[in-house]
Amino acid sequence: MNKKELIDALAEKTGKSRKESAEFLDALIGTVKEELKKGGSVNLVGFGSFKVVERPAREARNPRTGEKIQVPARKVPVFKAGKDLKEMLS
């Protein structure tokens, strides 16, 4: 399912217009991004949680040349599925 299909499904389930559903989805995504940028997390009980994890610097190899390279530390977004979501899928 892509973003357009998700907007259509939201519009159908809520009885709102596609435009209103798109605005809601954009606001939701924007709010999650802002919270993660601040270093916070977003917890949706029964669905899952979004948070930022810091990956440490490490040494890796270029697969083509075999040369060692340094990969810098970085922050990455992580989603962890909630218990209800996991149970529904199993």
N, C-alpha and C. Protein backbone atom coordinates (compact mmCIF):
# COMPACT_ATOMS: atom_id res chain seq x y z
N MET A 1 0.85 -1.17 0.00
CA MET A 1 0.00 0.00 0.00
C MET A 1 0.90 1.24 0.00
N ASN A 2 0.65 2.13 -0.92
CA ASN A 2 1.42 3.37 -0.97
C ASN A 2 0.63 4.49 -0.28
N LYS A 3 1.20 5.69 -0.26
CA LYS A 3 0.58 6.80 0.45
C LYS A 3 -0.80 7.14 -0.12
N LYS A 4 -0.94 7.15 -1.43
CA LYS A 4 -2.23 7.47 -2.05
C LYS A 4 -3.29 6.45 -1.65
N GLU A 5 -2.93 5.19 -1.66
CA GLU A 5 -3.87 4.14 -1.28
C GLU A 5 -4.24 4.25 0.20
N LEU A 6 -3.28 4.64 1.04
CA LEU A 6 -3.56 4.83 2.46
C LEU A 6 -4.52 5.99 2.66
N ILE A 7 -4.31 7.07 1.94
CA ILE A 7 -5.22 8.23 2.02
C ILE A 7 -6.63 7.82 1.60
N ASP A 8 -6.74 7.07 0.51
CA ASP A 8 -8.05 6.61 0.05
C ASP A 8 -8.73 5.72 1.10
N ALA A 9 -7.96 4.83 1.74
CA ALA A 9 -8.52 3.95 2.76
C ALA A 9 -8.96 4.77 3.98
N LEU A 10 -8.18 5.76 4.38
CA LEU A 10 -8.57 6.63 5.50
C LEU A 10 -9.86 7.38 5.18
N ALA A 11 -9.94 7.91 3.96
CA ALA A 11 -11.14 8.66 3.55
C ALA A 11 -12.37 7.76 3.59
N GLU A 12 -12.22 6.54 3.13
CA GLU A 12 -13.34 5.60 3.10
C GLU A 12 -13.78 5.22 4.51
N LYS A 13 -12.82 4.93 5.40
CA LYS A 13 -13.16 4.49 6.76
C LYS A 13 -13.69 5.61 7.63
N THR A 14 -13.26 6.85 7.40
CA THR A 14 -13.69 7.96 8.25
C THR A 14 -14.84 8.75 7.67
N GLY A 15 -15.11 8.59 6.39
CA GLY A 15 -16.15 9.36 5.75
C GLY A 15 -15.72 10.79 5.44
N LYS A 16 -14.45 11.08 5.59
CA LYS A 16 -13.90 12.41 5.28
C LYS A 16 -13.46 12.43 3.82
N SER A 17 -13.20 13.63 3.33
CA SER A 17 -12.74 13.75 1.94
C SER A 17 -11.29 13.29 1.83
N ARG A 18 -10.86 13.04 0.61
CA ARG A 18 -9.46 12.66 0.38
C ARG A 18 -8.53 13.78 0.82
N LYS A 19 -8.94 15.02 0.57
CA LYS A 19 -8.11 16.17 0.94
C LYS A 19 -7.92 16.23 2.46
N GLU A 20 -9.00 16.05 3.21
CA GLU A 20 -8.92 16.06 4.67
C GLU A 20 -8.07 14.90 5.17
N SER A 21 -8.22 13.74 4.56
CA SER A 21 -7.44 12.56 4.95
C SER A 21 -5.97 12.77 4.66
N ALA A 22 -5.66 13.39 3.52
CA ALA A 22 -4.26 13.67 3.16
C ALA A 22 -3.65 14.67 4.14
N GLU A 23 -4.43 15.69 4.51
CA GLU A 23 -3.94 16.68 5.48
C GLU A 23 -3.68 16.02 6.83
N PHE A 24 -4.57 15.13 7.25
CA PHE A 24 -4.39 14.43 8.52
C PHE A 24 -3.13 13.56 8.48
N LEU A 25 -2.98 12.79 7.42
CA LEU A 25 -1.82 11.91 7.31
C LEU A 25 -0.52 12.72 7.28
N ASP A 26 -0.49 13.82 6.52
CA ASP A 26 0.70 14.67 6.48
C ASP A 26 1.00 15.26 7.85
N ALA A 27 -0.04 15.66 8.59
CA ALA A 27 0.15 16.22 9.93
C ALA A 27 0.70 15.15 10.88
N LEU A 28 0.19 13.93 10.77
CA LEU A 28 0.67 12.83 11.61
C LEU A 28 2.14 12.54 11.33
N ILE A 29 2.48 12.40 10.07
CA ILE A 29 3.87 12.11 9.70
C ILE A 29 4.78 13.25 10.13
N GLY A 30 4.35 14.48 9.92
CA GLY A 30 5.14 15.63 10.32
C GLY A 30 5.38 15.69 11.82
N THR A 31 4.35 15.38 12.60
CA THR A 31 4.46 15.38 14.05
C THR A 31 5.43 14.30 14.53
N VAL A 32 5.37 13.11 13.94
CA VAL A 32 6.29 12.03 14.30
C VAL A 32 7.73 12.45 13.97
N LYS A 33 7.94 13.03 12.79
CA LYS A 33 9.28 13.48 12.38
C LYS A 33 9.84 14.53 13.35
N GLU A 34 8.99 15.50 13.72
CA GLU A 34 9.42 16.57 14.63
C GLU A 34 9.83 16.00 15.99
N GLU A 35 9.05 15.06 16.51
CA GLU A 35 9.35 14.46 17.80
C GLU A 35 10.65 13.67 17.74
N LEU A 36 10.86 12.92 16.66
CA LEU A 36 12.10 12.15 16.52
C LEU A 36 13.29 13.08 16.36
N LYS A 37 13.11 14.17 15.66
CA LYS A 37 14.20 15.14 15.47
C LYS A 37 14.63 15.73 16.81
N LYS A 38 13.68 15.92 17.72
CA LYS A 38 13.99 16.45 19.05
C LYS A 38 14.63 15.39 19.94
N GLY A 39 14.69 14.13 19.47
CA GLY A 39 15.28 13.06 20.26
C GLY A 39 14.26 12.29 21.08
N GLY A 40 12.98 12.60 20.90
CA GLY A 40 11.92 11.92 21.64
C GLY A 40 11.49 10.64 20.96
N SER A 41 10.40 10.10 21.45
CA SER A 41 9.84 8.89 20.84
C SER A 41 8.33 9.05 20.75
N VAL A 42 7.71 8.25 19.90
CA VAL A 42 6.26 8.25 19.73
C VAL A 42 5.78 6.83 19.99
N ASN A 43 4.92 6.67 21.00
CA ASN A 43 4.42 5.35 21.37
C ASN A 43 2.93 5.28 21.08
N LEU A 44 2.55 4.34 20.24
CA LEU A 44 1.15 4.11 19.89
C LEU A 44 0.77 2.75 20.46
N VAL A 45 0.12 2.75 21.60
CA VAL A 45 -0.21 1.52 22.31
C VAL A 45 -0.98 0.58 21.39
N GLY A 46 -0.53 -0.65 21.33
CA GLY A 46 -1.17 -1.66 20.50
C GLY A 46 -0.63 -1.71 19.08
N PHE A 47 0.05 -0.65 18.66
CA PHE A 47 0.60 -0.61 17.31
C PHE A 47 2.11 -0.72 17.33
N GLY A 48 2.77 0.20 18.03
CA GLY A 48 4.22 0.15 18.11
C GLY A 48 4.80 1.49 18.52
N SER A 49 6.12 1.58 18.45
CA SER A 49 6.78 2.82 18.85
C SER A 49 7.88 3.19 17.86
N PHE A 50 8.04 4.49 17.70
CA PHE A 50 9.10 5.05 16.87
C PHE A 50 10.10 5.72 17.81
N LYS A 51 11.38 5.50 17.59
CA LYS A 51 12.39 6.19 18.37
C LYS A 51 13.66 6.32 17.54
N VAL A 52 14.61 7.09 18.07
CA VAL A 52 15.89 7.29 17.40
C VAL A 52 16.95 6.53 18.17
N VAL A 53 17.78 5.78 17.46
CA VAL A 53 18.86 5.01 18.06
C VAL A 53 20.17 5.50 17.46
N GLU A 54 21.19 5.63 18.31
CA GLU A 54 22.49 6.05 17.82
C GLU A 54 23.33 4.81 17.51
N ARG A 55 23.78 4.71 16.28
CA ARG A 55 24.66 3.61 15.88
C ARG A 55 26.10 4.08 16.03
N PRO A 56 26.94 3.31 16.70
CA PRO A 56 28.33 3.74 16.91
C PRO A 56 29.15 3.69 15.63
N ALA A 57 30.27 4.40 15.65
CA ALA A 57 31.20 4.35 14.51
C ALA A 57 31.75 2.93 14.42
N ARG A 58 32.08 2.53 13.21
CA ARG A 58 32.62 1.17 13.03
C ARG A 58 33.53 1.13 11.83
N GLU A 59 34.24 0.04 11.73
CA GLU A 59 35.13 -0.17 10.59
C GLU A 59 34.45 -1.18 9.67
N ALA A 60 34.49 -0.91 8.38
CA ALA A 60 33.88 -1.81 7.39
C ALA A 60 34.86 -2.01 6.25
N ARG A 61 34.49 -2.86 5.32
CA ARG A 61 35.34 -3.11 4.15
C ARG A 61 34.57 -2.79 2.88
N ASN A 62 35.27 -2.20 1.94
CA ASN A 62 34.71 -1.96 0.62
C ASN A 62 34.68 -3.33 -0.06
N PRO A 63 33.50 -3.84 -0.45
CA PRO A 63 33.43 -5.18 -1.03
C PRO A 63 34.16 -5.31 -2.36
N ARG A 64 34.32 -4.23 -3.08
CA ARG A 64 34.97 -4.29 -4.37
C ARG A 64 36.49 -4.36 -4.23
N THR A 65 37.05 -3.53 -3.34
CA THR A 65 38.51 -3.45 -3.22
C THR A 65 39.05 -4.15 -2.00
N GLY A 66 38.20 -4.42 -1.01
CA GLY A 66 38.66 -5.03 0.23
C GLY A 66 39.29 -4.00 1.18
N GLU A 67 39.32 -2.75 0.77
CA GLU A 67 39.92 -1.69 1.58
C GLU A 67 39.06 -1.41 2.82
N LYS A 68 39.74 -1.17 3.96
CA LYS A 68 39.04 -0.84 5.19
C LYS A 68 38.62 0.62 5.15
N ILE A 69 37.39 0.88 5.59
CA ILE A 69 36.90 2.26 5.65
C ILE A 69 36.23 2.49 7.01
N GLN A 70 36.21 3.73 7.45
CA GLN A 70 35.56 4.11 8.69
C GLN A 70 34.14 4.57 8.39
N VAL A 71 33.18 3.98 9.06
CA VAL A 71 31.79 4.40 8.94
C VAL A 71 31.49 5.23 10.18
N PRO A 72 31.13 6.50 10.02
CA PRO A 72 30.91 7.37 11.18
C PRO A 72 29.66 6.98 11.99
N ALA A 73 29.63 7.42 13.24
CA ALA A 73 28.45 7.21 14.08
C ALA A 73 27.30 8.01 13.48
N ARG A 74 26.09 7.51 13.68
CA ARG A 74 24.93 8.22 13.14
C ARG A 74 23.68 7.83 13.92
N LYS A 75 22.67 8.66 13.78
CA LYS A 75 21.38 8.40 14.40
C LYS A 75 20.43 7.88 13.33
N VAL A 76 19.66 6.85 13.68
CA VAL A 76 18.73 6.26 12.73
C VAL A 76 17.36 6.07 13.39
N PRO A 77 16.27 6.26 12.63
CA PRO A 77 14.94 6.00 13.18
C PRO A 77 14.66 4.50 13.22
N VAL A 78 13.95 4.08 14.28
CA VAL A 78 13.64 2.67 14.46
C VAL A 78 12.17 2.54 14.82
N PHE A 79 11.51 1.54 14.25
CA PHE A 79 10.13 1.22 14.61
C PHE A 79 10.12 -0.15 15.25
N LYS A 80 9.49 -0.25 16.41
CA LYS A 80 9.34 -1.53 17.08
C LYS A 80 7.85 -1.83 17.18
N ALA A 81 7.45 -2.94 16.61
CA ALA A 81 6.02 -3.33 16.61
C ALA A 81 5.55 -3.63 18.02
N GLY A 82 4.32 -3.23 18.33
CA GLY A 82 3.72 -3.49 19.63
C GLY A 82 3.19 -4.91 19.73
N LYS A 83 2.87 -5.30 20.95
CA LYS A 83 2.41 -6.66 21.23
C LYS A 83 1.17 -7.03 20.41
N ASP A 84 0.17 -6.14 20.37
CA ASP A 84 -1.07 -6.45 19.64
C ASP A 84 -0.80 -6.66 18.16
N LEU A 85 0.05 -5.84 17.58
CA LEU A 85 0.38 -5.96 16.16
C LEU A 85 1.10 -7.27 15.89
N LYS A 86 2.05 -7.61 16.74
CA LYS A 86 2.78 -8.87 16.59
C LYS A 86 1.85 -10.07 16.68
N GLU A 87 0.94 -10.04 17.66
CA GLU A 87 0.01 -11.15 17.85
C GLU A 87 -0.96 -11.29 16.66
N MET A 88 -1.37 -10.15 16.11
CA MET A 88 -2.29 -10.18 14.99
C MET A 88 -1.64 -10.84 13.76
N LEU A 89 -0.35 -10.65 13.60
CA LEU A 89 0.35 -11.17 12.43
C LEU A 89 0.79 -12.61 12.57
N SER A 90 0.77 -13.14 13.77
CA SER A 90 1.24 -14.53 13.93
C SER A 90 0.11 -15.51 13.96
